[in-house]
């Protein structure tokens, strides 16, 4: 178990079509011996979509992690002062979350957790899932690739013909990215083919 005893904050944002893929990755992190502490954005906490209800996703997160998700700004504030996590994973990380993180905007529980965690100079792992990664969000990805203590799960164009600006992380590389990030290293290669 490569993450034995590691405290992993696992934050989910509103790339609803990707949530089903994230639950098995949370289980994979847990199987490696990590203690999971879930955080959800307001949209995951409150929005029902064709991909499932908010209650369904919160129940799944609680089932995997063994605890309810942090879902308020107040709930996320102690992440920094109490040094709650060794590493924070944001998966899926939407373009909206990327943009806000790159521009120091803190208006959701996930962004509050990231800000609070980064103040302790601890690693944040981003697993991008956005239809705008090669559009206006390309500059935000560039900023975050160069930000201290921010690490990217390798990503690529998931549908270049149908959605030429879309980028998605290889979610099955989350565990390996966490392991590298805990050593202060960016897993390579960052850009991968789908």
N, C-alpha and C. Protein backbone atom coordinates (compact mmCIF):
# COMPACT_ATOMS: atom_id res chain seq x y z
N UNK A 1 0.85 -1.18 0.00
CA UNK A 1 0.00 0.00 0.00
C UNK A 1 0.89 1.24 0.00
N UNK A 2 0.90 1.88 -1.16
CA UNK A 2 1.84 2.97 -1.38
C UNK A 2 1.46 4.29 -0.72
N UNK A 3 0.21 4.43 -0.26
CA UNK A 3 -0.23 5.66 0.39
C UNK A 3 -0.66 5.41 1.83
N UNK A 4 -0.08 4.41 2.44
CA UNK A 4 -0.45 4.02 3.81
C UNK A 4 -0.40 5.22 4.76
N UNK A 5 -1.56 5.55 5.34
CA UNK A 5 -1.63 6.61 6.33
C UNK A 5 -1.62 8.02 5.77
N UNK A 6 -1.50 8.19 4.47
CA UNK A 6 -1.49 9.52 3.87
C UNK A 6 -2.91 10.10 3.90
N UNK A 7 -3.03 11.35 4.33
CA UNK A 7 -4.32 12.03 4.39
C UNK A 7 -4.56 12.76 3.07
N UNK A 8 -5.51 12.25 2.31
CA UNK A 8 -5.78 12.79 0.98
C UNK A 8 -7.12 13.53 0.99
N UNK A 9 -7.06 14.84 0.78
CA UNK A 9 -8.27 15.58 0.51
C UNK A 9 -8.66 15.27 -0.92
N UNK A 10 -9.90 14.91 -1.16
CA UNK A 10 -10.33 14.57 -2.52
C UNK A 10 -11.53 15.43 -2.86
N UNK A 11 -11.31 16.41 -3.73
CA UNK A 11 -12.33 17.41 -4.05
C UNK A 11 -12.92 17.17 -5.42
N UNK A 12 -14.23 17.25 -5.51
CA UNK A 12 -14.94 17.06 -6.77
C UNK A 12 -15.63 18.34 -7.20
N UNK A 13 -15.48 18.67 -8.50
CA UNK A 13 -16.17 19.82 -9.06
C UNK A 13 -17.07 19.35 -10.19
N UNK A 14 -17.84 20.27 -10.77
CA UNK A 14 -18.98 19.94 -11.60
C UNK A 14 -18.78 19.50 -13.04
N UNK A 15 -17.80 18.68 -13.31
CA UNK A 15 -17.74 18.02 -14.61
C UNK A 15 -18.57 16.74 -14.46
N UNK A 16 -19.87 16.90 -14.54
CA UNK A 16 -20.80 15.83 -14.17
C UNK A 16 -20.61 14.55 -14.97
N UNK A 17 -20.24 14.69 -16.24
CA UNK A 17 -20.06 13.51 -17.08
C UNK A 17 -18.84 12.70 -16.66
N UNK A 18 -17.99 13.26 -15.81
CA UNK A 18 -16.77 12.58 -15.38
C UNK A 18 -16.90 11.98 -13.98
N UNK A 19 -17.92 12.33 -13.24
CA UNK A 19 -18.04 11.88 -11.84
C UNK A 19 -18.05 10.36 -11.73
N UNK A 20 -18.72 9.68 -12.64
CA UNK A 20 -18.78 8.23 -12.58
C UNK A 20 -17.39 7.60 -12.69
N UNK A 21 -16.52 8.26 -13.43
CA UNK A 21 -15.14 7.78 -13.59
C UNK A 21 -14.29 8.07 -12.35
N UNK A 22 -14.68 9.06 -11.58
CA UNK A 22 -13.88 9.47 -10.42
C UNK A 22 -14.08 8.54 -9.22
N UNK A 23 -15.27 8.04 -9.02
CA UNK A 23 -15.54 7.18 -7.86
C UNK A 23 -14.57 6.00 -7.80
N UNK A 24 -14.34 5.26 -8.89
CA UNK A 24 -13.35 4.16 -8.84
C UNK A 24 -11.93 4.65 -8.53
N UNK A 25 -11.62 5.87 -8.95
CA UNK A 25 -10.29 6.41 -8.65
C UNK A 25 -10.15 6.75 -7.16
N UNK A 26 -11.24 7.21 -6.57
CA UNK A 26 -11.23 7.44 -5.12
C UNK A 26 -11.02 6.10 -4.41
N UNK A 27 -11.70 5.07 -4.90
CA UNK A 27 -11.54 3.73 -4.31
C UNK A 27 -10.10 3.24 -4.47
N UNK A 28 -9.48 3.54 -5.61
CA UNK A 28 -8.08 3.13 -5.84
C UNK A 28 -7.14 3.82 -4.86
N UNK A 29 -7.38 5.11 -4.60
CA UNK A 29 -6.56 5.84 -3.63
C UNK A 29 -6.74 5.22 -2.24
N UNK A 30 -7.97 4.91 -1.89
CA UNK A 30 -8.24 4.29 -0.59
C UNK A 30 -7.58 2.92 -0.47
N UNK A 31 -7.61 2.11 -1.54
CA UNK A 31 -6.98 0.79 -1.52
C UNK A 31 -5.49 0.86 -1.30
N UNK A 32 -4.90 2.01 -1.64
CA UNK A 32 -3.46 2.21 -1.41
C UNK A 32 -3.17 2.59 0.04
N UNK A 33 -4.20 2.62 0.88
CA UNK A 33 -4.00 2.87 2.31
C UNK A 33 -4.23 4.29 2.76
N UNK A 34 -4.69 5.15 1.86
CA UNK A 34 -4.91 6.56 2.21
C UNK A 34 -6.18 6.73 3.03
N UNK A 35 -6.20 7.80 3.83
CA UNK A 35 -7.40 8.24 4.52
C UNK A 35 -7.99 9.37 3.66
N UNK A 36 -9.23 9.19 3.21
CA UNK A 36 -9.85 10.16 2.30
C UNK A 36 -10.76 11.14 3.04
N UNK A 37 -10.60 12.41 2.66
CA UNK A 37 -11.40 13.50 3.22
C UNK A 37 -12.06 14.23 2.05
N UNK A 38 -13.34 13.97 1.78
CA UNK A 38 -13.97 14.55 0.59
C UNK A 38 -14.38 16.01 0.75
N UNK A 39 -14.31 16.71 -0.37
CA UNK A 39 -14.77 18.10 -0.47
C UNK A 39 -15.56 18.19 -1.78
N UNK A 40 -16.68 18.87 -1.77
CA UNK A 40 -17.44 19.06 -3.01
C UNK A 40 -17.74 20.53 -3.24
N UNK A 41 -17.77 20.89 -4.52
CA UNK A 41 -18.14 22.25 -4.89
C UNK A 41 -19.64 22.44 -4.66
N UNK A 42 -20.06 23.69 -4.69
CA UNK A 42 -21.49 23.95 -4.53
C UNK A 42 -22.30 23.26 -5.62
N UNK A 43 -21.77 23.23 -6.84
CA UNK A 43 -22.54 22.61 -7.93
C UNK A 43 -22.69 21.11 -7.73
N UNK A 44 -21.65 20.42 -7.29
CA UNK A 44 -21.78 18.99 -7.02
C UNK A 44 -22.72 18.76 -5.85
N UNK A 45 -22.66 19.64 -4.87
CA UNK A 45 -23.49 19.51 -3.67
C UNK A 45 -24.98 19.71 -3.94
N UNK A 46 -25.31 20.52 -4.95
CA UNK A 46 -26.71 20.95 -5.09
C UNK A 46 -27.37 20.66 -6.43
N UNK A 47 -26.63 20.23 -7.44
CA UNK A 47 -27.19 20.18 -8.79
C UNK A 47 -27.49 18.75 -9.24
N UNK A 48 -28.73 18.54 -9.65
CA UNK A 48 -29.14 17.27 -10.26
C UNK A 48 -28.97 17.41 -11.77
N UNK A 49 -28.38 16.40 -12.40
CA UNK A 49 -28.19 16.43 -13.85
C UNK A 49 -28.59 15.08 -14.44
N UNK A 50 -28.48 14.96 -15.74
CA UNK A 50 -28.78 13.68 -16.39
C UNK A 50 -27.77 12.61 -16.00
N UNK A 51 -26.66 13.00 -15.39
CA UNK A 51 -25.64 12.05 -14.96
C UNK A 51 -25.86 11.57 -13.53
N UNK A 52 -26.85 12.11 -12.85
CA UNK A 52 -27.17 11.69 -11.50
C UNK A 52 -27.54 12.86 -10.62
N UNK A 53 -28.20 12.56 -9.53
CA UNK A 53 -28.61 13.61 -8.61
C UNK A 53 -27.45 13.98 -7.68
N UNK A 54 -27.54 15.15 -7.13
CA UNK A 54 -26.55 15.59 -6.15
C UNK A 54 -26.51 14.60 -5.00
N UNK A 55 -27.66 14.14 -4.54
CA UNK A 55 -27.72 13.20 -3.42
C UNK A 55 -27.01 11.88 -3.77
N UNK A 56 -27.18 11.41 -4.99
CA UNK A 56 -26.51 10.18 -5.42
C UNK A 56 -25.00 10.33 -5.31
N UNK A 57 -24.46 11.42 -5.85
CA UNK A 57 -23.00 11.60 -5.84
C UNK A 57 -22.48 11.80 -4.42
N UNK A 58 -23.21 12.53 -3.60
CA UNK A 58 -22.78 12.71 -2.21
C UNK A 58 -22.82 11.38 -1.46
N UNK A 59 -23.81 10.55 -1.74
CA UNK A 59 -23.89 9.23 -1.10
C UNK A 59 -22.72 8.35 -1.52
N UNK A 60 -22.36 8.40 -2.80
CA UNK A 60 -21.23 7.62 -3.29
C UNK A 60 -19.92 8.07 -2.63
N UNK A 61 -19.75 9.37 -2.53
CA UNK A 61 -18.54 9.91 -1.90
C UNK A 61 -18.48 9.49 -0.43
N UNK A 62 -19.59 9.58 0.27
CA UNK A 62 -19.64 9.16 1.67
C UNK A 62 -19.35 7.67 1.81
N UNK A 63 -19.91 6.87 0.92
CA UNK A 63 -19.67 5.42 0.95
C UNK A 63 -18.18 5.11 0.81
N UNK A 64 -17.53 5.73 -0.15
CA UNK A 64 -16.11 5.44 -0.41
C UNK A 64 -15.22 5.98 0.72
N UNK A 65 -15.49 7.20 1.14
CA UNK A 65 -14.60 7.87 2.09
C UNK A 65 -14.90 7.55 3.55
N UNK A 66 -16.13 7.10 3.82
CA UNK A 66 -16.49 6.82 5.20
C UNK A 66 -16.80 8.06 6.00
N UNK A 67 -16.98 9.17 5.32
CA UNK A 67 -17.34 10.43 5.98
C UNK A 67 -18.02 11.33 4.97
N UNK A 68 -18.83 12.25 5.48
CA UNK A 68 -19.53 13.18 4.59
C UNK A 68 -18.57 14.24 4.07
N UNK A 69 -18.89 14.77 2.92
CA UNK A 69 -18.04 15.75 2.27
C UNK A 69 -18.15 17.12 2.92
N UNK A 70 -17.05 17.83 2.94
CA UNK A 70 -17.05 19.25 3.26
C UNK A 70 -17.76 19.94 2.11
N UNK A 71 -18.79 20.73 2.40
CA UNK A 71 -19.58 21.34 1.34
C UNK A 71 -19.88 22.83 1.57
N UNK A 72 -19.13 23.44 2.50
CA UNK A 72 -19.31 24.87 2.77
C UNK A 72 -17.93 25.53 2.88
N UNK A 73 -17.93 26.84 2.70
CA UNK A 73 -16.69 27.61 2.87
C UNK A 73 -16.20 27.49 4.31
N UNK A 74 -17.11 27.61 5.25
CA UNK A 74 -16.74 27.52 6.67
C UNK A 74 -16.15 26.14 6.98
N UNK A 75 -16.72 25.10 6.39
CA UNK A 75 -16.20 23.75 6.60
C UNK A 75 -14.81 23.56 6.02
N UNK A 76 -14.50 24.28 4.94
CA UNK A 76 -13.19 24.15 4.29
C UNK A 76 -12.12 25.02 4.92
N UNK A 77 -12.50 26.04 5.65
CA UNK A 77 -11.51 26.96 6.24
C UNK A 77 -10.47 26.26 7.12
N UNK A 78 -10.83 25.28 7.94
CA UNK A 78 -9.83 24.65 8.81
C UNK A 78 -8.77 23.82 8.09
N UNK A 79 -8.94 23.57 6.79
CA UNK A 79 -7.98 22.76 6.04
C UNK A 79 -6.56 23.29 6.24
N UNK A 80 -6.39 24.59 6.18
CA UNK A 80 -5.06 25.18 6.36
C UNK A 80 -4.58 25.20 7.79
N UNK A 81 -5.31 25.88 8.68
CA UNK A 81 -4.84 25.99 10.06
C UNK A 81 -4.65 24.64 10.76
N UNK A 82 -5.49 23.67 10.44
CA UNK A 82 -5.39 22.36 11.08
C UNK A 82 -4.52 21.37 10.29
N UNK A 83 -4.01 21.83 9.15
CA UNK A 83 -3.18 20.97 8.28
C UNK A 83 -3.83 19.60 8.11
N UNK A 84 -5.06 19.64 7.62
CA UNK A 84 -5.90 18.44 7.55
C UNK A 84 -5.42 17.40 6.54
N UNK A 85 -4.78 17.84 5.45
CA UNK A 85 -4.40 16.92 4.38
C UNK A 85 -2.89 16.94 4.16
N UNK A 86 -2.37 15.82 3.68
CA UNK A 86 -0.99 15.78 3.19
C UNK A 86 -0.95 16.18 1.72
N UNK A 87 -2.01 15.88 1.01
CA UNK A 87 -2.15 16.23 -0.40
C UNK A 87 -3.62 16.46 -0.68
N UNK A 88 -3.92 17.38 -1.58
CA UNK A 88 -5.30 17.64 -2.01
C UNK A 88 -5.41 17.34 -3.50
N UNK A 89 -6.36 16.51 -3.86
CA UNK A 89 -6.64 16.18 -5.25
C UNK A 89 -7.95 16.86 -5.64
N UNK A 90 -7.95 17.54 -6.78
CA UNK A 90 -9.19 18.08 -7.33
C UNK A 90 -9.48 17.32 -8.62
N UNK A 91 -10.49 16.45 -8.55
CA UNK A 91 -10.81 15.58 -9.68
C UNK A 91 -12.30 15.28 -9.68
N UNK A 92 -13.01 15.60 -10.72
CA UNK A 92 -12.54 16.34 -11.87
C UNK A 92 -12.35 17.82 -11.54
N UNK A 93 -11.41 18.42 -12.22
CA UNK A 93 -11.15 19.86 -12.05
C UNK A 93 -11.66 20.56 -13.30
N UNK A 94 -12.77 21.26 -13.16
CA UNK A 94 -13.40 21.95 -14.30
C UNK A 94 -12.58 23.15 -14.75
N UNK A 95 -12.90 23.64 -15.94
CA UNK A 95 -12.28 24.86 -16.43
C UNK A 95 -12.58 26.04 -15.54
N UNK A 96 -13.78 26.08 -14.99
CA UNK A 96 -14.15 27.16 -14.07
C UNK A 96 -13.26 27.14 -12.83
N UNK A 97 -13.04 25.95 -12.28
CA UNK A 97 -12.18 25.84 -11.10
C UNK A 97 -10.73 26.17 -11.45
N UNK A 98 -10.26 25.71 -12.61
CA UNK A 98 -8.91 26.05 -13.07
C UNK A 98 -8.72 27.56 -13.13
N UNK A 99 -9.69 28.23 -13.77
CA UNK A 99 -9.59 29.68 -13.96
C UNK A 99 -9.57 30.41 -12.63
N UNK A 100 -10.43 29.99 -11.73
CA UNK A 100 -10.48 30.66 -10.42
C UNK A 100 -9.22 30.40 -9.62
N UNK A 101 -8.73 29.16 -9.63
CA UNK A 101 -7.51 28.84 -8.90
C UNK A 101 -6.33 29.62 -9.46
N UNK A 102 -6.22 29.70 -10.78
CA UNK A 102 -5.12 30.42 -11.42
C UNK A 102 -5.16 31.92 -11.13
N UNK A 103 -6.36 32.43 -10.83
CA UNK A 103 -6.52 33.87 -10.60
C UNK A 103 -6.87 34.21 -9.15
N UNK A 104 -6.58 33.28 -8.23
CA UNK A 104 -6.73 33.51 -6.79
C UNK A 104 -8.15 33.89 -6.38
N UNK A 105 -9.14 33.28 -7.01
CA UNK A 105 -10.54 33.50 -6.64
C UNK A 105 -10.97 32.34 -5.76
N UNK A 106 -11.50 32.67 -4.59
CA UNK A 106 -11.88 31.65 -3.60
C UNK A 106 -13.35 31.81 -3.26
N UNK A 107 -14.20 31.10 -4.00
CA UNK A 107 -15.64 31.28 -3.77
C UNK A 107 -16.42 29.97 -3.72
N UNK A 108 -15.73 28.86 -3.55
CA UNK A 108 -16.39 27.57 -3.35
C UNK A 108 -15.63 26.79 -2.28
N UNK A 109 -16.23 25.78 -1.70
CA UNK A 109 -15.51 24.97 -0.71
C UNK A 109 -14.23 24.34 -1.28
N UNK A 110 -14.27 23.92 -2.54
CA UNK A 110 -13.07 23.32 -3.16
C UNK A 110 -11.95 24.34 -3.26
N UNK A 111 -12.27 25.54 -3.71
CA UNK A 111 -11.24 26.57 -3.84
C UNK A 111 -10.73 27.04 -2.48
N UNK A 112 -11.60 27.09 -1.50
CA UNK A 112 -11.17 27.43 -0.14
C UNK A 112 -10.22 26.35 0.39
N UNK A 113 -10.56 25.09 0.16
CA UNK A 113 -9.68 24.00 0.60
C UNK A 113 -8.33 24.10 -0.10
N UNK A 114 -8.33 24.39 -1.40
CA UNK A 114 -7.06 24.50 -2.14
C UNK A 114 -6.23 25.66 -1.62
N UNK A 115 -6.84 26.81 -1.44
CA UNK A 115 -6.12 27.98 -0.93
C UNK A 115 -5.55 27.69 0.46
N UNK A 116 -6.38 27.12 1.32
CA UNK A 116 -5.95 26.83 2.69
C UNK A 116 -4.82 25.80 2.71
N UNK A 117 -4.90 24.81 1.83
CA UNK A 117 -3.89 23.75 1.74
C UNK A 117 -2.58 24.29 1.19
N UNK A 118 -2.66 25.12 0.14
CA UNK A 118 -1.46 25.67 -0.47
C UNK A 118 -0.70 26.60 0.46
N UNK A 119 -1.40 27.23 1.39
CA UNK A 119 -0.69 28.14 2.30
C UNK A 119 0.31 27.39 3.17
N UNK A 120 0.10 26.08 3.31
CA UNK A 120 1.04 25.24 4.06
C UNK A 120 2.12 24.63 3.16
N UNK A 121 2.16 25.08 1.91
CA UNK A 121 3.14 24.61 0.93
C UNK A 121 3.07 23.10 0.75
N UNK A 122 1.83 22.62 0.68
CA UNK A 122 1.59 21.19 0.46
C UNK A 122 1.02 21.00 -0.93
N UNK A 123 1.19 19.80 -1.52
CA UNK A 123 0.83 19.60 -2.92
C UNK A 123 -0.67 19.54 -3.20
N UNK A 124 -1.03 20.16 -4.32
CA UNK A 124 -2.38 20.09 -4.88
C UNK A 124 -2.25 19.41 -6.24
N UNK A 125 -3.05 18.37 -6.44
CA UNK A 125 -3.05 17.61 -7.69
C UNK A 125 -4.34 17.93 -8.44
N UNK A 126 -4.20 18.33 -9.70
CA UNK A 126 -5.35 18.70 -10.52
C UNK A 126 -5.56 17.67 -11.63
N UNK A 127 -6.77 17.15 -11.74
CA UNK A 127 -7.15 16.23 -12.81
C UNK A 127 -8.17 16.95 -13.68
N UNK A 128 -7.69 17.64 -14.69
CA UNK A 128 -8.50 18.51 -15.52
C UNK A 128 -9.56 17.74 -16.31
N UNK A 129 -10.72 18.36 -16.43
CA UNK A 129 -11.79 17.86 -17.29
C UNK A 129 -12.58 19.09 -17.74
N UNK A 130 -12.24 19.59 -18.93
CA UNK A 130 -12.87 20.82 -19.40
C UNK A 130 -12.98 20.84 -20.92
N UNK A 131 -14.07 21.37 -21.42
CA UNK A 131 -14.25 21.54 -22.86
C UNK A 131 -13.50 22.76 -23.38
N UNK A 132 -12.86 23.52 -22.50
CA UNK A 132 -12.21 24.78 -22.86
C UNK A 132 -10.71 24.77 -22.58
N UNK A 133 -10.10 23.60 -22.44
CA UNK A 133 -8.69 23.52 -22.07
C UNK A 133 -7.75 24.11 -23.10
N UNK A 134 -8.10 24.05 -24.38
CA UNK A 134 -7.27 24.63 -25.43
C UNK A 134 -7.89 25.92 -25.97
N UNK A 135 -8.87 26.43 -25.23
CA UNK A 135 -9.48 27.72 -25.54
C UNK A 135 -8.92 28.75 -24.57
N UNK A 136 -9.81 29.57 -24.02
CA UNK A 136 -9.36 30.61 -23.09
C UNK A 136 -8.71 30.05 -21.83
N UNK A 137 -9.05 28.81 -21.47
CA UNK A 137 -8.45 28.23 -20.27
C UNK A 137 -7.02 27.73 -20.48
N UNK A 138 -6.53 27.73 -21.71
CA UNK A 138 -5.15 27.30 -21.95
C UNK A 138 -4.16 28.14 -21.13
N UNK A 139 -4.41 29.44 -21.05
CA UNK A 139 -3.49 30.29 -20.28
C UNK A 139 -3.52 29.94 -18.79
N UNK A 140 -4.71 29.57 -18.28
CA UNK A 140 -4.80 29.20 -16.87
C UNK A 140 -4.08 27.89 -16.59
N UNK A 141 -4.17 26.94 -17.51
CA UNK A 141 -3.41 25.70 -17.36
C UNK A 141 -1.92 26.01 -17.36
N UNK A 142 -1.50 26.90 -18.26
CA UNK A 142 -0.09 27.30 -18.29
C UNK A 142 0.37 27.92 -16.98
N UNK A 143 -0.45 28.78 -16.41
CA UNK A 143 -0.11 29.39 -15.12
C UNK A 143 0.01 28.32 -14.03
N UNK A 144 -0.93 27.39 -14.02
CA UNK A 144 -0.93 26.38 -12.97
C UNK A 144 0.19 25.35 -13.15
N UNK A 145 0.57 25.08 -14.40
CA UNK A 145 1.71 24.19 -14.63
C UNK A 145 3.00 24.76 -14.05
N UNK A 146 3.05 26.08 -13.91
CA UNK A 146 4.23 26.75 -13.38
C UNK A 146 4.07 27.20 -11.94
N UNK A 147 2.96 26.87 -11.32
CA UNK A 147 2.71 27.29 -9.94
C UNK A 147 3.38 26.32 -8.96
N UNK A 148 3.94 26.86 -7.93
CA UNK A 148 4.59 26.05 -6.90
C UNK A 148 3.56 25.18 -6.18
N UNK A 149 3.90 23.92 -5.99
CA UNK A 149 3.09 22.95 -5.26
C UNK A 149 1.80 22.54 -5.97
N UNK A 150 1.68 22.84 -7.27
CA UNK A 150 0.54 22.40 -8.06
C UNK A 150 1.05 21.38 -9.08
N UNK A 151 0.38 20.24 -9.15
CA UNK A 151 0.80 19.14 -10.02
C UNK A 151 -0.39 18.69 -10.85
N UNK A 152 -0.13 18.33 -12.09
CA UNK A 152 -1.20 17.93 -13.01
C UNK A 152 -1.17 16.43 -13.25
N UNK A 153 -2.35 15.82 -13.19
CA UNK A 153 -2.51 14.46 -13.69
C UNK A 153 -2.34 14.57 -15.20
N UNK A 154 -1.54 13.70 -15.83
CA UNK A 154 -1.35 13.80 -17.28
C UNK A 154 -2.69 13.89 -18.02
N UNK A 155 -2.71 14.75 -19.05
CA UNK A 155 -3.96 15.01 -19.76
C UNK A 155 -3.72 15.11 -21.26
N UNK A 156 -4.81 15.02 -22.00
CA UNK A 156 -4.75 15.15 -23.45
C UNK A 156 -6.11 15.48 -24.01
N UNK A 157 -6.16 15.58 -25.34
CA UNK A 157 -7.43 15.85 -26.02
C UNK A 157 -8.24 14.56 -26.06
N UNK A 158 -9.39 14.58 -25.42
CA UNK A 158 -10.21 13.38 -25.34
C UNK A 158 -11.10 13.18 -26.56
N UNK A 159 -11.33 14.24 -27.34
CA UNK A 159 -12.16 14.13 -28.54
C UNK A 159 -11.79 15.25 -29.50
N UNK A 160 -10.60 15.17 -30.15
CA UNK A 160 -10.13 16.27 -30.98
C UNK A 160 -11.05 16.60 -32.17
N UNK A 161 -11.72 15.61 -32.72
CA UNK A 161 -12.59 15.86 -33.87
C UNK A 161 -13.89 16.53 -33.45
N UNK A 162 -14.50 16.03 -32.39
CA UNK A 162 -15.80 16.55 -31.95
C UNK A 162 -15.71 17.75 -31.03
N UNK A 163 -14.65 17.81 -30.20
CA UNK A 163 -14.48 18.90 -29.24
C UNK A 163 -13.00 19.29 -29.23
N UNK A 164 -12.56 20.06 -30.22
CA UNK A 164 -11.13 20.31 -30.38
C UNK A 164 -10.47 21.07 -29.22
N UNK A 165 -11.21 21.77 -28.40
CA UNK A 165 -10.62 22.48 -27.26
C UNK A 165 -10.68 21.69 -25.95
N UNK A 166 -11.28 20.51 -25.99
CA UNK A 166 -11.51 19.73 -24.78
C UNK A 166 -10.24 19.01 -24.32
N UNK A 167 -9.99 19.06 -23.02
CA UNK A 167 -8.88 18.34 -22.39
C UNK A 167 -9.42 17.53 -21.23
N UNK A 168 -8.83 16.34 -21.05
CA UNK A 168 -9.24 15.49 -19.94
C UNK A 168 -8.02 14.74 -19.43
N UNK A 169 -7.93 14.67 -18.10
CA UNK A 169 -6.84 13.94 -17.46
C UNK A 169 -7.06 12.44 -17.61
N UNK A 170 -5.97 11.69 -17.61
CA UNK A 170 -6.02 10.22 -17.54
C UNK A 170 -6.25 9.88 -16.08
N UNK A 171 -7.51 9.73 -15.72
CA UNK A 171 -7.89 9.59 -14.33
C UNK A 171 -7.23 8.38 -13.65
N UNK A 172 -6.89 7.35 -14.44
CA UNK A 172 -6.25 6.18 -13.84
C UNK A 172 -4.80 6.46 -13.43
N UNK A 173 -4.32 7.68 -13.67
CA UNK A 173 -2.97 8.07 -13.24
C UNK A 173 -3.00 8.94 -11.97
N UNK A 174 -4.16 9.05 -11.35
CA UNK A 174 -4.26 9.89 -10.14
C UNK A 174 -3.33 9.37 -9.05
N UNK A 175 -3.35 8.08 -8.75
CA UNK A 175 -2.50 7.54 -7.68
C UNK A 175 -1.04 7.82 -7.97
N UNK A 176 -0.59 7.55 -9.19
CA UNK A 176 0.81 7.77 -9.54
C UNK A 176 1.18 9.25 -9.45
N UNK A 177 0.25 10.12 -9.83
CA UNK A 177 0.51 11.56 -9.74
C UNK A 177 0.63 11.99 -8.28
N UNK A 178 -0.23 11.46 -7.42
CA UNK A 178 -0.14 11.77 -5.98
C UNK A 178 1.22 11.35 -5.44
N UNK A 179 1.65 10.15 -5.78
CA UNK A 179 2.95 9.65 -5.27
C UNK A 179 4.09 10.58 -5.68
N UNK A 180 4.09 11.02 -6.92
CA UNK A 180 5.13 11.94 -7.39
C UNK A 180 5.01 13.31 -6.71
N UNK A 181 3.78 13.80 -6.59
CA UNK A 181 3.56 15.11 -5.98
C UNK A 181 4.03 15.14 -4.53
N UNK A 182 3.83 14.04 -3.81
CA UNK A 182 4.29 13.98 -2.42
C UNK A 182 5.81 14.05 -2.32
N UNK A 183 6.50 13.76 -3.43
CA UNK A 183 7.96 13.89 -3.49
C UNK A 183 8.38 15.21 -4.13
N UNK A 184 7.40 16.07 -4.44
CA UNK A 184 7.70 17.36 -5.05
C UNK A 184 8.01 17.27 -6.53
N UNK A 185 7.52 16.24 -7.19
CA UNK A 185 7.82 16.03 -8.61
C UNK A 185 6.54 15.98 -9.44
N UNK A 186 6.62 16.51 -10.65
CA UNK A 186 5.54 16.42 -11.61
C UNK A 186 5.70 15.12 -12.39
N UNK A 187 4.68 14.27 -12.37
CA UNK A 187 4.73 13.03 -13.15
C UNK A 187 4.89 13.39 -14.63
N UNK A 188 5.63 12.57 -15.34
CA UNK A 188 5.88 12.80 -16.77
C UNK A 188 5.47 11.57 -17.56
N UNK A 189 5.10 11.73 -18.82
CA UNK A 189 4.86 13.00 -19.49
C UNK A 189 3.54 13.62 -19.04
N UNK A 190 3.45 14.92 -19.14
CA UNK A 190 2.23 15.63 -18.75
C UNK A 190 1.19 15.53 -19.86
N UNK A 191 1.63 15.61 -21.10
CA UNK A 191 0.74 15.56 -22.24
C UNK A 191 0.70 14.14 -22.77
N UNK A 192 -0.50 13.56 -22.87
CA UNK A 192 -0.66 12.19 -23.30
C UNK A 192 -1.70 12.10 -24.41
N UNK A 193 -1.68 11.00 -25.14
CA UNK A 193 -2.66 10.76 -26.19
C UNK A 193 -3.82 9.94 -25.65
N UNK A 194 -4.99 10.18 -26.21
CA UNK A 194 -6.16 9.38 -25.88
C UNK A 194 -6.37 8.36 -26.96
